[in-house]
Amino acid sequence: MKKVLGRIGAVLLVVVVAVAAWAWVSPWPSVLLIRQLWPEATAEQA
């Protein structure tokens, strides 16, 4: 059981690091966050 939890933790760590790297390199996470926080600005731009 301990071995399985260790593997799950390792996979979760890899996923978190991959998402953090993607957020650091790509502008899209910021764009998606801004769209969620201010949806009326997106409607005005369209």
N, C-alpha and C. Protein backbone atom coordinates (compact mmCIF):
# COMPACT_ATOMS: atom_id res chain seq x y z
N MET A 1 0.84 -1.21 0.00
CA MET A 1 0.00 0.00 0.00
C MET A 1 0.87 1.25 0.00
N LYS A 2 1.95 1.22 0.79
CA LYS A 2 2.83 2.37 0.87
C LYS A 2 3.51 2.63 -0.48
N LYS A 3 3.80 1.56 -1.19
CA LYS A 3 4.45 1.69 -2.50
C LYS A 3 3.51 2.35 -3.51
N VAL A 4 2.24 2.00 -3.46
CA VAL A 4 1.25 2.57 -4.37
C VAL A 4 1.07 4.06 -4.07
N LEU A 5 0.99 4.42 -2.81
CA LEU A 5 0.84 5.84 -2.45
C LEU A 5 2.07 6.63 -2.86
N GLY A 6 3.23 6.04 -2.78
CA GLY A 6 4.45 6.71 -3.22
C GLY A 6 4.44 6.97 -4.72
N ARG A 7 3.96 6.00 -5.47
CA ARG A 7 3.88 6.18 -6.92
C ARG A 7 2.84 7.24 -7.29
N ILE A 8 1.72 7.23 -6.60
CA ILE A 8 0.69 8.23 -6.86
C ILE A 8 1.23 9.62 -6.53
N GLY A 9 1.94 9.74 -5.43
CA GLY A 9 2.55 11.01 -5.06
C GLY A 9 3.56 11.47 -6.09
N ALA A 10 4.35 10.54 -6.62
CA ALA A 10 5.35 10.88 -7.63
C ALA A 10 4.67 11.36 -8.91
N VAL A 11 3.61 10.70 -9.30
CA VAL A 11 2.87 11.10 -10.51
C VAL A 11 2.25 12.48 -10.31
N LEU A 12 1.67 12.72 -9.16
CA LEU A 12 1.09 14.03 -8.88
C LEU A 12 2.16 15.12 -8.89
N LEU A 13 3.31 14.83 -8.35
CA LEU A 13 4.41 15.79 -8.36
C LEU A 13 4.85 16.12 -9.78
N VAL A 14 4.95 15.11 -10.62
CA VAL A 14 5.32 15.34 -12.02
C VAL A 14 4.27 16.18 -12.72
N VAL A 15 3.01 15.92 -12.48
CA VAL A 15 1.94 16.69 -13.10
C VAL A 15 1.99 18.15 -12.64
N VAL A 16 2.18 18.37 -11.36
CA VAL A 16 2.24 19.73 -10.84
C VAL A 16 3.43 20.48 -11.43
N VAL A 17 4.58 19.83 -11.52
CA VAL A 17 5.76 20.47 -12.10
C VAL A 17 5.53 20.77 -13.58
N ALA A 18 4.89 19.85 -14.30
CA ALA A 18 4.62 20.08 -15.72
C ALA A 18 3.67 21.26 -15.92
N VAL A 19 2.63 21.35 -15.12
CA VAL A 19 1.68 22.46 -15.23
C VAL A 19 2.36 23.78 -14.86
N ALA A 20 3.20 23.76 -13.83
CA ALA A 20 3.93 24.98 -13.45
C ALA A 20 4.87 25.42 -14.56
N ALA A 21 5.55 24.48 -15.20
CA ALA A 21 6.45 24.82 -16.30
C ALA A 21 5.66 25.38 -17.47
N TRP A 22 4.52 24.80 -17.77
CA TRP A 22 3.67 25.29 -18.85
C TRP A 22 3.19 26.72 -18.54
N ALA A 23 2.80 26.96 -17.30
CA ALA A 23 2.33 28.29 -16.90
C ALA A 23 3.46 29.31 -16.97
N TRP A 24 4.68 28.88 -16.71
CA TRP A 24 5.83 29.78 -16.74
C TRP A 24 6.20 30.16 -18.18
N VAL A 25 6.07 29.22 -19.11
CA VAL A 25 6.51 29.42 -20.49
C VAL A 25 5.43 30.01 -21.37
N SER A 26 4.21 29.58 -21.20
CA SER A 26 3.13 29.95 -22.10
C SER A 26 2.31 31.11 -21.54
N PRO A 27 1.83 32.01 -22.39
CA PRO A 27 0.95 33.09 -21.91
C PRO A 27 -0.49 32.63 -21.69
N TRP A 28 -0.85 31.45 -22.16
CA TRP A 28 -2.25 31.02 -22.10
C TRP A 28 -2.82 30.88 -20.70
N PRO A 29 -2.09 30.40 -19.71
CA PRO A 29 -2.70 30.34 -18.37
C PRO A 29 -3.14 31.72 -17.87
N SER A 30 -2.33 32.74 -18.13
CA SER A 30 -2.71 34.09 -17.72
C SER A 30 -3.93 34.58 -18.50
N VAL A 31 -3.97 34.27 -19.78
CA VAL A 31 -5.11 34.68 -20.61
C VAL A 31 -6.39 34.02 -20.10
N LEU A 32 -6.32 32.74 -19.82
CA LEU A 32 -7.52 32.04 -19.33
C LEU A 32 -7.97 32.57 -17.97
N LEU A 33 -7.01 32.89 -17.10
CA LEU A 33 -7.34 33.44 -15.79
C LEU A 33 -8.02 34.80 -15.94
N ILE A 34 -7.48 35.66 -16.78
CA ILE A 34 -8.06 36.98 -16.99
C ILE A 34 -9.46 36.87 -17.58
N ARG A 35 -9.66 35.94 -18.51
CA ARG A 35 -10.99 35.75 -19.09
C ARG A 35 -12.00 35.30 -18.04
N GLN A 36 -11.56 34.49 -17.08
CA GLN A 36 -12.47 34.02 -16.03
C GLN A 36 -12.79 35.14 -15.04
N LEU A 37 -11.80 35.99 -14.74
CA LEU A 37 -12.01 37.04 -13.75
C LEU A 37 -12.85 38.20 -14.28
N TRP A 38 -12.68 38.53 -15.57
CA TRP A 38 -13.40 39.64 -16.16
C TRP A 38 -14.07 39.22 -17.46
N PRO A 39 -15.17 38.46 -17.40
CA PRO A 39 -15.82 37.99 -18.63
C PRO A 39 -16.47 39.12 -19.43
N GLU A 40 -16.87 40.20 -18.77
CA GLU A 40 -17.52 41.29 -19.51
C GLU A 40 -16.54 42.00 -20.44
N ALA A 41 -15.24 42.02 -20.09
CA ALA A 41 -14.25 42.63 -20.97
C ALA A 41 -14.13 41.83 -22.26
N THR A 42 -14.24 40.52 -22.17
CA THR A 42 -14.15 39.66 -23.35
C THR A 42 -15.37 39.90 -24.25
N ALA A 43 -16.52 40.09 -23.69
CA ALA A 43 -17.72 40.33 -24.47
C ALA A 43 -17.63 41.68 -25.19
N GLU A 44 -17.04 42.68 -24.54
CA GLU A 44 -16.89 43.99 -25.17
C GLU A 44 -15.90 43.93 -26.32
N GLN A 45 -14.87 43.14 -26.21
CA GLN A 45 -13.87 43.03 -27.25
C GLN A 45 -14.45 42.35 -28.49
N ALA A 46 -15.37 41.43 -28.29
CA ALA A 46 -15.96 40.73 -29.42
C ALA A 46 -16.88 41.66 -30.17
